[in-house]
Amino acid sequence: MNFPNNDKVIKDRIMTAAFDVLEMAYMANENKDDYRIGYQKRLLTKVKMIDFYLKLACDKNYISYQKYQKIGTYLLNSLKQIYGWIKSEKAG
């Protein structure tokens, strides 16, 4: 919330990517076969982009390093779960 007005783009991108992650997760759950894996891969990209935007925010001191680490832990866990989901789709 403490992003300066001249850099609200980062905040907006984080929010947009977070909503996109939610949408991609729903779409991946609803679709089958190749479509599901496509949405899962897009989901991975969005989670990685959130991490990138948060790193930018941390570098510019809009968020603390501790906050970045804590959110990064959640993102890392999410990435692991998505990779496992993709692996189980390919195996099944």
N, C-alpha and C. Protein backbone atom coordinates (compact mmCIF):
# COMPACT_ATOMS: atom_id res chain seq x y z
N MET A 1 0.80 -1.19 0.00
CA MET A 1 0.00 0.00 0.00
C MET A 1 0.85 1.26 0.00
N ASN A 2 2.14 1.13 0.31
CA ASN A 2 2.98 2.32 0.42
C ASN A 2 3.78 2.57 -0.87
N PHE A 3 3.22 2.25 -2.00
CA PHE A 3 3.87 2.52 -3.28
C PHE A 3 3.66 3.99 -3.63
N PRO A 4 4.71 4.67 -4.08
CA PRO A 4 4.52 6.07 -4.48
C PRO A 4 3.69 6.17 -5.76
N ASN A 5 3.11 7.33 -5.96
CA ASN A 5 2.23 7.54 -7.12
C ASN A 5 2.94 7.32 -8.45
N ASN A 6 4.22 7.67 -8.52
CA ASN A 6 4.93 7.53 -9.79
C ASN A 6 5.30 6.09 -10.11
N ASP A 7 5.11 5.18 -9.17
CA ASP A 7 5.44 3.77 -9.41
C ASP A 7 4.28 2.85 -9.07
N LYS A 8 3.08 3.31 -9.28
CA LYS A 8 1.90 2.47 -9.03
C LYS A 8 1.77 1.36 -10.06
N VAL A 9 2.55 1.43 -11.12
CA VAL A 9 2.50 0.40 -12.16
C VAL A 9 2.89 -0.95 -11.55
N ILE A 10 3.91 -0.96 -10.71
CA ILE A 10 4.34 -2.22 -10.09
C ILE A 10 3.22 -2.79 -9.23
N LYS A 11 2.60 -1.93 -8.43
CA LYS A 11 1.50 -2.37 -7.58
C LYS A 11 0.35 -2.92 -8.43
N ASP A 12 0.02 -2.22 -9.49
CA ASP A 12 -1.06 -2.67 -10.37
C ASP A 12 -0.72 -4.00 -11.04
N ARG A 13 0.53 -4.15 -11.45
CA ARG A 13 0.94 -5.42 -12.08
C ARG A 13 0.87 -6.57 -11.09
N ILE A 14 1.26 -6.33 -9.85
CA ILE A 14 1.18 -7.38 -8.82
C ILE A 14 -0.27 -7.80 -8.62
N MET A 15 -1.15 -6.82 -8.51
CA MET A 15 -2.57 -7.12 -8.30
C MET A 15 -3.16 -7.85 -9.51
N THR A 16 -2.84 -7.39 -10.70
CA THR A 16 -3.36 -8.03 -11.91
C THR A 16 -2.86 -9.47 -12.02
N ALA A 17 -1.56 -9.67 -11.76
CA ALA A 17 -0.99 -11.01 -11.84
C ALA A 17 -1.61 -11.93 -10.79
N ALA A 18 -1.89 -11.39 -9.60
CA ALA A 18 -2.51 -12.21 -8.55
C ALA A 18 -3.91 -12.67 -8.97
N PHE A 19 -4.67 -11.77 -9.56
CA PHE A 19 -6.00 -12.16 -10.04
C PHE A 19 -5.89 -13.13 -11.22
N ASP A 20 -4.88 -12.95 -12.06
CA ASP A 20 -4.66 -13.87 -13.17
C ASP A 20 -4.31 -15.27 -12.67
N VAL A 21 -3.53 -15.34 -11.59
CA VAL A 21 -3.19 -16.64 -11.00
C VAL A 21 -4.46 -17.36 -10.56
N LEU A 22 -5.33 -16.62 -9.90
CA LEU A 22 -6.58 -17.20 -9.45
C LEU A 22 -7.41 -17.70 -10.63
N GLU A 23 -7.49 -16.87 -11.67
CA GLU A 23 -8.26 -17.25 -12.85
C GLU A 23 -7.66 -18.47 -13.55
N MET A 24 -6.33 -18.50 -13.69
CA MET A 24 -5.67 -19.64 -14.35
C MET A 24 -5.87 -20.93 -13.55
N ALA A 25 -5.85 -20.83 -12.24
CA ALA A 25 -6.06 -22.02 -11.40
C ALA A 25 -7.47 -22.57 -11.63
N TYR A 26 -8.45 -21.68 -11.67
CA TYR A 26 -9.82 -22.13 -11.95
C TYR A 26 -9.93 -22.74 -13.35
N MET A 27 -9.33 -22.10 -14.32
CA MET A 27 -9.40 -22.59 -15.70
C MET A 27 -8.71 -23.96 -15.82
N ALA A 28 -7.58 -24.12 -15.14
CA ALA A 28 -6.88 -25.40 -15.19
C ALA A 28 -7.70 -26.50 -14.53
N ASN A 29 -8.43 -26.16 -13.48
CA ASN A 29 -9.28 -27.15 -12.83
C ASN A 29 -10.45 -27.56 -13.69
N GLU A 30 -10.97 -26.65 -14.47
CA GLU A 30 -12.16 -26.91 -15.26
C GLU A 30 -11.86 -27.64 -16.57
N ASN A 31 -10.66 -27.46 -17.11
CA ASN A 31 -10.33 -28.05 -18.40
C ASN A 31 -9.61 -29.38 -18.24
N LYS A 32 -9.55 -30.10 -19.32
CA LYS A 32 -8.92 -31.42 -19.32
C LYS A 32 -7.78 -31.46 -20.33
N ASP A 33 -6.91 -32.44 -20.19
CA ASP A 33 -5.86 -32.79 -21.15
C ASP A 33 -4.92 -31.62 -21.47
N ASP A 34 -4.71 -31.37 -22.75
CA ASP A 34 -3.73 -30.38 -23.19
C ASP A 34 -4.08 -28.97 -22.73
N TYR A 35 -5.35 -28.66 -22.68
CA TYR A 35 -5.75 -27.33 -22.23
C TYR A 35 -5.33 -27.10 -20.78
N ARG A 36 -5.48 -28.13 -19.96
CA ARG A 36 -5.13 -28.01 -18.55
C ARG A 36 -3.65 -27.71 -18.40
N ILE A 37 -2.81 -28.45 -19.12
CA ILE A 37 -1.36 -28.23 -19.00
C ILE A 37 -0.99 -26.83 -19.50
N GLY A 38 -1.67 -26.35 -20.52
CA GLY A 38 -1.43 -24.99 -21.00
C GLY A 38 -1.73 -23.95 -19.94
N TYR A 39 -2.85 -24.10 -19.27
CA TYR A 39 -3.20 -23.17 -18.19
C TYR A 39 -2.24 -23.30 -17.02
N GLN A 40 -1.80 -24.52 -16.74
CA GLN A 40 -0.85 -24.72 -15.65
C GLN A 40 0.48 -24.02 -15.95
N LYS A 41 0.92 -24.10 -17.19
CA LYS A 41 2.17 -23.43 -17.55
C LYS A 41 2.02 -21.92 -17.50
N ARG A 42 0.87 -21.41 -17.90
CA ARG A 42 0.62 -19.97 -17.77
C ARG A 42 0.56 -19.57 -16.30
N LEU A 43 0.04 -20.46 -15.49
CA LEU A 43 -0.02 -20.23 -14.05
C LEU A 43 1.40 -20.10 -13.48
N LEU A 44 2.29 -20.98 -13.91
CA LEU A 44 3.69 -20.88 -13.49
C LEU A 44 4.29 -19.53 -13.86
N THR A 45 4.02 -19.09 -15.07
CA THR A 45 4.55 -17.81 -15.53
C THR A 45 4.04 -16.66 -14.68
N LYS A 46 2.77 -16.66 -14.37
CA LYS A 46 2.19 -15.58 -13.57
C LYS A 46 2.78 -15.56 -12.16
N VAL A 47 2.97 -16.72 -11.55
CA VAL A 47 3.56 -16.77 -10.21
C VAL A 47 4.99 -16.24 -10.25
N LYS A 48 5.74 -16.62 -11.28
CA LYS A 48 7.10 -16.12 -11.41
C LYS A 48 7.13 -14.61 -11.65
N MET A 49 6.14 -14.10 -12.37
CA MET A 49 6.06 -12.66 -12.60
C MET A 49 5.74 -11.91 -11.30
N ILE A 50 4.90 -12.49 -10.47
CA ILE A 50 4.62 -11.87 -9.17
C ILE A 50 5.91 -11.77 -8.37
N ASP A 51 6.70 -12.83 -8.38
CA ASP A 51 7.98 -12.81 -7.68
C ASP A 51 8.89 -11.71 -8.26
N PHE A 52 8.92 -11.59 -9.56
CA PHE A 52 9.73 -10.55 -10.20
C PHE A 52 9.29 -9.15 -9.77
N TYR A 53 7.98 -8.90 -9.80
CA TYR A 53 7.47 -7.60 -9.41
C TYR A 53 7.74 -7.30 -7.93
N LEU A 54 7.63 -8.32 -7.11
CA LEU A 54 7.92 -8.12 -5.68
C LEU A 54 9.40 -7.84 -5.46
N LYS A 55 10.25 -8.49 -6.25
CA LYS A 55 11.69 -8.21 -6.15
C LYS A 55 11.97 -6.76 -6.53
N LEU A 56 11.31 -6.28 -7.58
CA LEU A 56 11.45 -4.86 -7.95
C LEU A 56 11.01 -3.96 -6.80
N ALA A 57 9.88 -4.28 -6.20
CA ALA A 57 9.37 -3.48 -5.09
C ALA A 57 10.33 -3.51 -3.90
N CYS A 58 10.93 -4.65 -3.66
CA CYS A 58 11.90 -4.77 -2.57
C CYS A 58 13.16 -3.96 -2.89
N ASP A 59 13.64 -4.05 -4.12
CA ASP A 59 14.83 -3.29 -4.51
C ASP A 59 14.62 -1.79 -4.39
N LYS A 60 13.39 -1.34 -4.63
CA LYS A 60 13.08 0.09 -4.53
C LYS A 60 12.60 0.48 -3.12
N ASN A 61 12.69 -0.46 -2.19
CA ASN A 61 12.33 -0.25 -0.79
C ASN A 61 10.87 0.12 -0.58
N TYR A 62 9.98 -0.41 -1.43
CA TYR A 62 8.55 -0.23 -1.23
C TYR A 62 8.02 -1.28 -0.26
N ILE A 63 8.69 -2.42 -0.22
CA ILE A 63 8.39 -3.45 0.77
C ILE A 63 9.69 -3.86 1.43
N SER A 64 9.62 -4.36 2.65
CA SER A 64 10.84 -4.77 3.35
C SER A 64 11.34 -6.11 2.82
N TYR A 65 12.60 -6.37 3.07
CA TYR A 65 13.19 -7.63 2.64
C TYR A 65 12.53 -8.81 3.36
N GLN A 66 12.18 -8.62 4.62
CA GLN A 66 11.51 -9.69 5.38
C GLN A 66 10.15 -10.02 4.76
N LYS A 67 9.43 -8.99 4.35
CA LYS A 67 8.13 -9.21 3.72
C LYS A 67 8.31 -9.93 2.39
N TYR A 68 9.34 -9.52 1.64
CA TYR A 68 9.64 -10.17 0.37
C TYR A 68 9.98 -11.65 0.58
N GLN A 69 10.77 -11.94 1.60
CA GLN A 69 11.12 -13.34 1.89
C GLN A 69 9.90 -14.16 2.27
N LYS A 70 9.04 -13.58 3.10
CA LYS A 70 7.85 -14.31 3.55
C LYS A 70 6.93 -14.61 2.37
N ILE A 71 6.67 -13.62 1.54
CA ILE A 71 5.82 -13.83 0.37
C ILE A 71 6.51 -14.79 -0.61
N GLY A 72 7.83 -14.65 -0.73
CA GLY A 72 8.59 -15.53 -1.61
C GLY A 72 8.49 -16.99 -1.21
N THR A 73 8.40 -17.25 0.08
CA THR A 73 8.24 -18.62 0.57
C THR A 73 6.90 -19.19 0.10
N TYR A 74 5.87 -18.38 0.19
CA TYR A 74 4.55 -18.82 -0.29
C TYR A 74 4.57 -19.06 -1.80
N LEU A 75 5.23 -18.16 -2.53
CA LEU A 75 5.32 -18.32 -3.98
C LEU A 75 6.10 -19.58 -4.35
N LEU A 76 7.19 -19.84 -3.62
CA LEU A 76 7.99 -21.03 -3.89
C LEU A 76 7.17 -22.30 -3.64
N ASN A 77 6.42 -22.32 -2.56
CA ASN A 77 5.55 -23.47 -2.28
C ASN A 77 4.50 -23.64 -3.37
N SER A 78 3.96 -22.52 -3.84
CA SER A 78 2.97 -22.58 -4.92
C SER A 78 3.60 -23.15 -6.19
N LEU A 79 4.81 -22.70 -6.51
CA LEU A 79 5.50 -23.22 -7.70
C LEU A 79 5.73 -24.72 -7.60
N LYS A 80 6.15 -25.17 -6.43
CA LYS A 80 6.37 -26.61 -6.24
C LYS A 80 5.08 -27.39 -6.44
N GLN A 81 3.99 -26.86 -5.92
CA GLN A 81 2.70 -27.54 -6.06
C GLN A 81 2.26 -27.58 -7.52
N ILE A 82 2.47 -26.49 -8.23
CA ILE A 82 2.08 -26.44 -9.64
C ILE A 82 2.93 -27.40 -10.47
N TYR A 83 4.25 -27.43 -10.20
CA TYR A 83 5.11 -28.38 -10.91
C TYR A 83 4.68 -29.82 -10.63
N GLY A 84 4.31 -30.12 -9.39
CA GLY A 84 3.81 -31.44 -9.05
C GLY A 84 2.51 -31.75 -9.76
N TRP A 85 1.66 -30.76 -9.88
CA TRP A 85 0.39 -30.91 -10.57
C TRP A 85 0.62 -31.23 -12.04
N ILE A 86 1.54 -30.51 -12.66
CA ILE A 86 1.87 -30.76 -14.08
C ILE A 86 2.45 -32.15 -14.24
N LYS A 87 3.34 -32.52 -13.33
CA LYS A 87 3.97 -33.85 -13.42
C LYS A 87 2.92 -34.95 -13.29
N SER A 88 1.97 -34.77 -12.39
CA SER A 88 0.94 -35.80 -12.22
C SER A 88 0.01 -35.85 -13.43
N GLU A 89 -0.22 -34.72 -14.09
CA GLU A 89 -1.05 -34.70 -15.31
C GLU A 89 -0.36 -35.46 -16.43
N LYS A 90 0.95 -35.25 -16.55
CA LYS A 90 1.69 -35.91 -17.62
C LYS A 90 1.80 -37.40 -17.38
N ALA A 91 1.88 -37.80 -16.10
CA ALA A 91 1.99 -39.23 -15.76
C ALA A 91 0.66 -39.94 -15.92
N GLY A 92 -0.42 -39.24 -15.68
CA GLY A 92 -1.75 -39.86 -15.67
C GLY A 92 -2.41 -39.79 -16.96
